[in-house]
Structures are given as C-alpha cells and as structure tokens.
Amino acid sequence: MGNREDLLESARRCIVEKGYARTTARDIAGGAGVSLAAIGYHFGSKEALMAEALLATGIRIGDALDEALRGAPAGDLLGRIWDRSLEVFGDQRALLAASMENLAQIDRIPAVAERMRAAQRGAVDGIAELLAEPLPRATAEERQALAAYYFAVINGLAIVWLIDPSIVPTGDRLRLAELAGGANVAAADAGAAGAS
C-alpha cells in the first residue's frame, strides 16, 4: 500500500478504536507511519481524509444492496434491502456512527460537503441501476425515484438503529405489517414496475 491507502486504513482503524471526535491527525499519521504533512498532501485536511475513509461504509452498504437485489422479486425489494442493511450496520457500527458525526462537517467544510453530495448522488444512481433487474418494466425515471426513496429509508433506518436497534423490525416483520394492512410497500414496489 502507498501512503494514501495507509492513511485511509489508519483513519478507519482510529475511528473504530477512538471514535470520530477523539481521532486526531497525529493518531492517523502515526498509525500509518507517515508524517502529518502527508495528510495535507493527499487529502487537504484531516476532515477530508476522515470523510473519504467513511465513504467505504457506504460502499459496503451498496455492495450489500447489490447482493440483496439480485434475483429479488419486485414485491420483496424493501424487505430484502432492509434485512441486508441491518446486517451491514451490525458489522460496521463504529463507522456508521462516525458517518453520522461526519454529517456535522457539511456546513463547515465545503470540500467535505461536495464529496458527500457526490457520494450520495452516486449511491442513488447505483441503487437505480440495481433496480433494473427486479423491475424490468420500470422506466429509468421510476427506478431513480424508487432508488431515492430506498436511499432515504436506509439512512433513516441507520439513525434509528444506532439509537435503539431493539425497536427496528426485521424484513419479515415488515412483510407481516404489509399483510396485515400496514404500510403497503410491496404495492409501491410493484407500482414502480408499471402495470403488467
């Protein structure tokens, strides 16, 4: 690995071990075995480095969604996305919490804000592409709208899960709620696919 990759790995490790707020530039540079100047050279600031390190959490969630959506029937998309997201959250709790802390940087550091906006747009576009297989009749616009909806749901789920995972239902519980006449998400999924 080069210095850039070493810094990213050290930042992720420091965030997990110390938390976002308590991680210092010195901690990261020391963990990577490089000088403090390397942070500025490769990323511009510690905050930009940490934001970049946290984007990997979003990539892991994206990979999990890819797995969940492959071969999924249109009526079961949300339940599969929900369950797979919860699995990733459990594996990435410290980084997920740090991602929420990182959101506070949006108004203070324009470069971090722009990187996060670009990552968010990329995530929604990626989800829309994944929806092409289970929703072949949906238009690109419909898939994009549904992708934005799923992205918002996943992020809201992350916040609720971080605060109190015990109140978060499983995908199976969501399906039961649908069958019992609760929020009929399956109908929204099928509606996005268009009329047969």
C-alpha atoms as a PDB file:
ATOM      1  CA  MET A   1       0.000   0.000   0.000  1.00  0.00           C
ATOM      2  CA  GLY A   2       1.059   3.588  -0.594  1.00  0.00           C
ATOM      3  CA  ASN A   3       0.863   6.452   1.884  1.00  0.00           C
ATOM      4  CA  ARG A   4      -2.642   7.417   0.732  1.00  0.00           C
ATOM      5  CA  GLU A   5      -4.049   3.931   1.314  1.00  0.00           C
ATOM      6  CA  ASP A   6      -2.151   3.647   4.610  1.00  0.00           C
ATOM      7  CA  LEU A   7      -3.728   6.902   5.769  1.00  0.00           C
ATOM      8  CA  LEU A   8      -7.226   5.726   4.809  1.00  0.00           C
ATOM      9  CA  GLU A   9      -6.752   2.434   6.642  1.00  0.00           C
ATOM     10  CA  SER A  10      -5.306   4.176   9.694  1.00  0.00           C
ATOM     11  CA  ALA A  11      -8.210   6.650   9.729  1.00  0.00           C
ATOM     12  CA  ARG A  12     -10.764   3.808   9.628  1.00  0.00           C
ATOM     13  CA  ARG A  13      -8.931   1.987  12.401  1.00  0.00           C
ATOM     14  CA  CYS A  14      -8.696   5.134  14.567  1.00  0.00           C
ATOM     15  CA  ILE A  15     -12.376   5.911  14.047  1.00  0.00           C
ATOM     16  CA  VAL A  16     -13.335   2.401  15.173  1.00  0.00           C
ATOM     17  CA  GLU A  17     -10.970   2.411  18.165  1.00  0.00           C
ATOM     18  CA  LYS A  18     -11.271   6.039  19.351  1.00  0.00           C
ATOM     19  CA  GLY A  19     -14.406   7.400  17.739  1.00  0.00           C
ATOM     20  CA  TYR A  20     -14.724  10.204  15.229  1.00  0.00           C
ATOM     21  CA  ALA A  21     -14.461  13.176  17.593  1.00  0.00           C
ATOM     22  CA  ARG A  22     -11.440  11.850  19.518  1.00  0.00           C
ATOM     23  CA  THR A  23      -9.385  10.884  16.467  1.00  0.00           C
ATOM     24  CA  THR A  24      -6.550  13.335  15.842  1.00  0.00           C
ATOM     25  CA  ALA A  25      -4.417  13.919  12.770  1.00  0.00           C
ATOM     26  CA  ARG A  26      -1.433  12.770  14.834  1.00  0.00           C
ATOM     27  CA  ASP A  27      -3.232   9.475  15.626  1.00  0.00           C
ATOM     28  CA  ILE A  28      -3.902   8.840  11.950  1.00  0.00           C
ATOM     29  CA  ALA A  29      -0.429   9.784  10.736  1.00  0.00           C
ATOM     30  CA  GLY A  30       1.203   7.734  13.498  1.00  0.00           C
ATOM     31  CA  GLY A  31      -0.937   4.710  12.684  1.00  0.00           C
ATOM     32  CA  ALA A  32       0.015   4.998   9.023  1.00  0.00           C
ATOM     33  CA  GLY A  33       3.692   5.521   9.777  1.00  0.00           C
ATOM     34  CA  VAL A  34       3.811   8.810   7.871  1.00  0.00           C
ATOM     35  CA  SER A  35       4.298  12.484   8.709  1.00  0.00           C
ATOM     36  CA  LEU A  36       1.420  14.842   9.464  1.00  0.00           C
ATOM     37  CA  ALA A  37       2.215  16.637   6.209  1.00  0.00           C
ATOM     38  CA  ALA A  38       1.151  13.522   4.280  1.00  0.00           C
ATOM     39  CA  ILE A  39      -2.457  14.133   5.333  1.00  0.00           C
ATOM     40  CA  GLY A  40      -2.427  17.609   3.792  1.00  0.00           C
ATOM     41  CA  TYR A  41      -0.618  16.388   0.700  1.00  0.00           C
ATOM     42  CA  HIS A  42      -3.012  13.527  -0.058  1.00  0.00           C
ATOM     43  CA  PHE A  43      -6.320  14.863   1.299  1.00  0.00           C
ATOM     44  CA  GLY A  44      -6.016  18.568   2.087  1.00  0.00           C
ATOM     45  CA  SER A  45      -7.247  18.178   5.669  1.00  0.00           C
ATOM     46  CA  LYS A  46      -7.891  15.631   8.385  1.00  0.00           C
ATOM     47  CA  GLU A  47     -11.634  16.140   7.927  1.00  0.00           C
ATOM     48  CA  ALA A  48     -11.430  15.376   4.204  1.00  0.00           C
ATOM     49  CA  LEU A  49      -9.375  12.248   4.960  1.00  0.00           C
ATOM     50  CA  MET A  50     -11.901  11.066   7.537  1.00  0.00           C
ATOM     51  CA  ALA A  51     -14.810  11.744   5.181  1.00  0.00           C
ATOM     52  CA  GLU A  52     -13.074   9.691   2.493  1.00  0.00           C
ATOM     53  CA  ALA A  53     -12.420   6.860   4.958  1.00  0.00           C
ATOM     54  CA  LEU A  54     -16.081   6.840   5.953  1.00  0.00           C
ATOM     55  CA  LEU A  55     -17.278   6.619   2.360  1.00  0.00           C
ATOM     56  CA  ALA A  56     -16.139   2.999   2.438  1.00  0.00           C
ATOM     57  CA  THR A  57     -19.048   2.304   4.790  1.00  0.00           C
ATOM     58  CA  GLY A  58     -21.445   3.488   2.094  1.00  0.00           C
ATOM     59  CA  ILE A  59     -19.678   1.312  -0.457  1.00  0.00           C
ATOM     60  CA  ARG A  60     -20.123  -1.727   1.787  1.00  0.00           C
ATOM     61  CA  ILE A  61     -23.823  -0.954   2.134  1.00  0.00           C
ATOM     62  CA  GLY A  62     -24.021  -0.592  -1.668  1.00  0.00           C
ATOM     63  CA  ASP A  63     -22.371  -3.981  -2.118  1.00  0.00           C
ATOM     64  CA  ALA A  64     -24.850  -5.483   0.338  1.00  0.00           C
ATOM     65  CA  LEU A  65     -27.762  -3.982  -1.603  1.00  0.00           C
ATOM     66  CA  ASP A  66     -26.362  -5.454  -4.781  1.00  0.00           C
ATOM     67  CA  GLU A  67     -26.447  -8.899  -3.138  1.00  0.00           C
ATOM     68  CA  ALA A  68     -29.943  -8.333  -1.757  1.00  0.00           C
ATOM     69  CA  LEU A  69     -31.455  -7.236  -5.060  1.00  0.00           C
ATOM     70  CA  ARG A  70     -30.002  -9.935  -7.291  1.00  0.00           C
ATOM     71  CA  GLY A  71     -32.893 -12.214  -8.196  1.00  0.00           C
ATOM     72  CA  ALA A  72     -35.313 -10.433  -5.846  1.00  0.00           C
ATOM     73  CA  PRO A  73     -38.992 -10.432  -6.801  1.00  0.00           C
ATOM     74  CA  ALA A  74     -40.450  -6.935  -7.167  1.00  0.00           C
ATOM     75  CA  GLY A  75     -42.781  -7.388  -4.174  1.00  0.00           C
ATOM     76  CA  ASP A  76     -39.935  -8.220  -1.780  1.00  0.00           C
ATOM     77  CA  LEU A  77     -37.398  -5.498  -2.509  1.00  0.00           C
ATOM     78  CA  LEU A  78     -37.793  -3.421   0.640  1.00  0.00           C
ATOM     79  CA  GLY A  79     -37.700  -6.428   2.971  1.00  0.00           C
ATOM     80  CA  ARG A  80     -34.502  -7.699   1.367  1.00  0.00           C
ATOM     81  CA  ILE A  81     -32.850  -4.278   1.372  1.00  0.00           C
ATOM     82  CA  TRP A  82     -33.916  -3.760   4.982  1.00  0.00           C
ATOM     83  CA  ASP A  83     -32.518  -7.069   6.253  1.00  0.00           C
ATOM     84  CA  ARG A  84     -29.262  -6.790   4.347  1.00  0.00           C
ATOM     85  CA  SER A  85     -28.759  -3.203   5.547  1.00  0.00           C
ATOM     86  CA  LEU A  86     -29.247  -4.316   9.155  1.00  0.00           C
ATOM     87  CA  GLU A  87     -26.567  -6.991   8.701  1.00  0.00           C
ATOM     88  CA  VAL A  88     -24.108  -4.415   7.374  1.00  0.00           C
ATOM     89  CA  PHE A  89     -24.981  -1.984  10.165  1.00  0.00           C
ATOM     90  CA  GLY A  90     -24.116  -4.661  12.716  1.00  0.00           C
ATOM     91  CA  ASP A  91     -20.734  -5.250  11.078  1.00  0.00           C
ATOM     92  CA  GLN A  92     -19.966  -1.537  10.673  1.00  0.00           C
ATOM     93  CA  ARG A  93     -21.486   0.088  13.787  1.00  0.00           C
ATOM     94  CA  ALA A  94     -18.494   2.273  14.720  1.00  0.00           C
ATOM     95  CA  LEU A  95     -18.023   3.525  11.166  1.00  0.00           C
ATOM     96  CA  LEU A  96     -21.755   4.089  10.763  1.00  0.00           C
ATOM     97  CA  ALA A  97     -21.852   6.183  13.945  1.00  0.00           C
ATOM     98  CA  ALA A  98     -18.809   8.116  12.748  1.00  0.00           C
ATOM     99  CA  SER A  99     -20.574   8.751   9.436  1.00  0.00           C
ATOM    100  CA  MET A 100     -23.357  10.444  11.364  1.00  0.00           C
ATOM    101  CA  GLU A 101     -20.767  12.585  13.187  1.00  0.00           C
ATOM    102  CA  ASN A 102     -19.228  13.443   9.836  1.00  0.00           C
ATOM    103  CA  LEU A 103     -22.531  14.968   8.702  1.00  0.00           C
ATOM    104  CA  ALA A 104     -21.835  17.869  11.066  1.00  0.00           C
ATOM    105  CA  GLN A 105     -18.958  18.878   8.760  1.00  0.00           C
ATOM    106  CA  ILE A 106     -21.242  19.659   5.822  1.00  0.00           C
ATOM    107  CA  ASP A 107     -21.795  23.319   6.683  1.00  0.00           C
ATOM    108  CA  ARG A 108     -18.209  23.955   7.816  1.00  0.00           C
ATOM    109  CA  ILE A 109     -16.042  22.308   5.169  1.00  0.00           C
ATOM    110  CA  PRO A 110     -17.206  22.803   1.571  1.00  0.00           C
ATOM    111  CA  ALA A 111     -14.894  20.123   0.134  1.00  0.00           C
ATOM    112  CA  VAL A 112     -16.312  17.517   2.519  1.00  0.00           C
ATOM    113  CA  ALA A 113     -19.853  18.637   1.716  1.00  0.00           C
ATOM    114  CA  GLU A 114     -19.278  18.323  -2.027  1.00  0.00           C
ATOM    115  CA  ARG A 115     -17.668  14.891  -1.654  1.00  0.00           C
ATOM    116  CA  MET A 116     -20.623  13.697   0.434  1.00  0.00           C
ATOM    117  CA  ARG A 117     -23.131  15.105  -2.073  1.00  0.00           C
ATOM    118  CA  ALA A 118     -21.340  13.355  -4.926  1.00  0.00           C
ATOM    119  CA  ALA A 119     -21.272  10.093  -2.968  1.00  0.00           C
ATOM    120  CA  GLN A 120     -24.988  10.413  -2.216  1.00  0.00           C
ATOM    121  CA  ARG A 121     -25.851  11.038  -5.870  1.00  0.00           C
ATOM    122  CA  GLY A 122     -23.662   8.095  -6.846  1.00  0.00           C
ATOM    123  CA  ALA A 123     -25.381   5.861  -4.305  1.00  0.00           C
ATOM    124  CA  VAL A 124     -28.856   6.733  -5.600  1.00  0.00           C
ATOM    125  CA  ASP A 125     -27.715   6.185  -9.192  1.00  0.00           C
ATOM    126  CA  GLY A 126     -26.195   2.838  -8.185  1.00  0.00           C
ATOM    127  CA  ILE A 127     -29.398   1.687  -6.498  1.00  0.00           C
ATOM    128  CA  ALA A 128     -31.387   2.749  -9.585  1.00  0.00           C
ATOM    129  CA  GLU A 129     -29.133   0.570 -11.752  1.00  0.00           C
ATOM    130  CA  LEU A 130     -29.605  -2.372  -9.387  1.00  0.00           C
ATOM    131  CA  LEU A 131     -33.386  -1.999  -9.685  1.00  0.00           C
ATOM    132  CA  ALA A 132     -33.305  -2.663 -13.441  1.00  0.00           C
ATOM    133  CA  GLU A 133     -33.188  -6.443 -12.930  1.00  0.00           C
ATOM    134  CA  PRO A 134     -36.077  -6.878 -10.468  1.00  0.00           C
ATOM    135  CA  LEU A 135     -38.121  -4.075 -12.090  1.00  0.00           C
ATOM    136  CA  PRO A 136     -37.547  -4.520 -15.839  1.00  0.00           C
ATOM    137  CA  ARG A 137     -40.720  -2.660 -16.858  1.00  0.00           C
ATOM    138  CA  ALA A 138     -39.972   0.410 -14.761  1.00  0.00           C
ATOM    139  CA  THR A 139     -38.747   3.489 -16.586  1.00  0.00           C
ATOM    140  CA  ALA A 140     -35.390   4.999 -15.698  1.00  0.00           C
ATOM    141  CA  GLU A 141     -37.252   7.860 -14.005  1.00  0.00           C
ATOM    142  CA  GLU A 142     -39.339   5.438 -11.915  1.00  0.00           C
ATOM    143  CA  ARG A 143     -36.244   3.475 -10.879  1.00  0.00           C
ATOM    144  CA  GLN A 144     -34.463   6.714  -9.966  1.00  0.00           C
ATOM    145  CA  ALA A 145     -37.399   7.822  -7.802  1.00  0.00           C
ATOM    146  CA  LEU A 146     -37.620   4.439  -6.090  1.00  0.00           C
ATOM    147  CA  ALA A 147     -33.841   4.447  -5.576  1.00  0.00           C
ATOM    148  CA  ALA A 148     -34.034   7.854  -3.876  1.00  0.00           C
ATOM    149  CA  TYR A 149     -36.829   6.501  -1.671  1.00  0.00           C
ATOM    150  CA  TYR A 150     -34.806   3.415  -0.699  1.00  0.00           C
ATOM    151  CA  PHE A 151     -31.731   5.558  -0.052  1.00  0.00           C
ATOM    152  CA  ALA A 152     -33.727   7.781   2.303  1.00  0.00           C
ATOM    153  CA  VAL A 153     -35.234   4.746   4.052  1.00  0.00           C
ATOM    154  CA  ILE A 154     -31.804   3.139   4.533  1.00  0.00           C
ATOM    155  CA  ASN A 155     -30.388   6.329   6.020  1.00  0.00           C
ATOM    156  CA  GLY A 156     -33.361   6.782   8.326  1.00  0.00           C
ATOM    157  CA  LEU A 157     -33.087   3.135   9.318  1.00  0.00           C
ATOM    158  CA  ALA A 158     -29.408   3.688  10.152  1.00  0.00           C
ATOM    159  CA  ILE A 159     -30.227   6.556  12.508  1.00  0.00           C
ATOM    160  CA  VAL A 160     -32.999   4.653  14.297  1.00  0.00           C
ATOM    161  CA  TRP A 161     -30.833   1.519  14.510  1.00  0.00           C
ATOM    162  CA  LEU A 162     -27.906   3.464  16.011  1.00  0.00           C
ATOM    163  CA  ILE A 163     -30.136   4.951  18.699  1.00  0.00           C
ATOM    164  CA  ASP A 164     -32.089   1.805  19.610  1.00  0.00           C
ATOM    165  CA  PRO A 165     -31.774  -1.350  17.495  1.00  0.00           C
ATOM    166  CA  SER A 166     -34.409  -3.085  19.619  1.00  0.00           C
ATOM    167  CA  ILE A 167     -37.253  -1.116  18.029  1.00  0.00           C
ATOM    168  CA  VAL A 168     -36.190  -1.834  14.450  1.00  0.00           C
ATOM    169  CA  PRO A 169     -38.304  -4.581  12.885  1.00  0.00           C
ATOM    170  CA  THR A 170     -36.822  -7.237  10.629  1.00  0.00           C
ATOM    171  CA  GLY A 171     -37.783  -7.538   6.984  1.00  0.00           C
ATOM    172  CA  ASP A 172     -40.087 -10.414   7.961  1.00  0.00           C
ATOM    173  CA  ARG A 173     -41.884  -8.144  10.439  1.00  0.00           C
ATOM    174  CA  LEU A 174     -42.283  -5.549   7.691  1.00  0.00           C
ATOM    175  CA  ARG A 175     -43.847  -8.205   5.474  1.00  0.00           C
ATOM    176  CA  LEU A 176     -46.272  -9.147   8.262  1.00  0.00           C
ATOM    177  CA  ALA A 177     -47.238  -5.494   8.653  1.00  0.00           C
ATOM    178  CA  GLU A 178     -47.886  -5.325   4.918  1.00  0.00           C
ATOM    179  CA  LEU A 179     -50.056  -8.441   5.037  1.00  0.00           C
ATOM    180  CA  ALA A 180     -51.957  -7.038   7.995  1.00  0.00           C
ATOM    181  CA  GLY A 181     -52.784  -3.899   6.033  1.00  0.00           C
ATOM    182  CA  GLY A 182     -49.989  -1.672   7.369  1.00  0.00           C
ATOM    183  CA  ALA A 183     -47.738   0.349   5.104  1.00  0.00           C
ATOM    184  CA  ASN A 184     -48.127  -1.419   1.784  1.00  0.00           C
ATOM    185  CA  VAL A 185     -44.613  -1.036   0.471  1.00  0.00           C
ATOM    186  CA  ALA A 186     -44.947  -4.038  -1.833  1.00  0.00           C
ATOM    187  CA  ALA A 187     -47.648  -2.186  -3.762  1.00  0.00           C
ATOM    188  CA  ALA A 188     -45.305   0.777  -4.165  1.00  0.00           C
ATOM    189  CA  ASP A 189     -42.597  -1.578  -5.462  1.00  0.00           C
ATOM    190  CA  ALA A 190     -44.970  -3.201  -7.926  1.00  0.00           C
ATOM    191  CA  GLY A 191     -46.353   0.214  -8.939  1.00  0.00           C
ATOM    192  CA  ALA A 192     -42.864   1.386  -9.813  1.00  0.00           C
ATOM    193  CA  ALA A 193     -42.556  -1.556 -12.186  1.00  0.00           C
ATOM    194  CA  GLY A 194     -45.564  -0.314 -14.131  1.00  0.00           C
ATOM    195  CA  ALA A 195     -48.787  -2.072 -14.943  1.00  0.00           C
ATOM    196  CA  SER A 196     -48.428  -5.534 -16.461  1.00  0.00           C
END
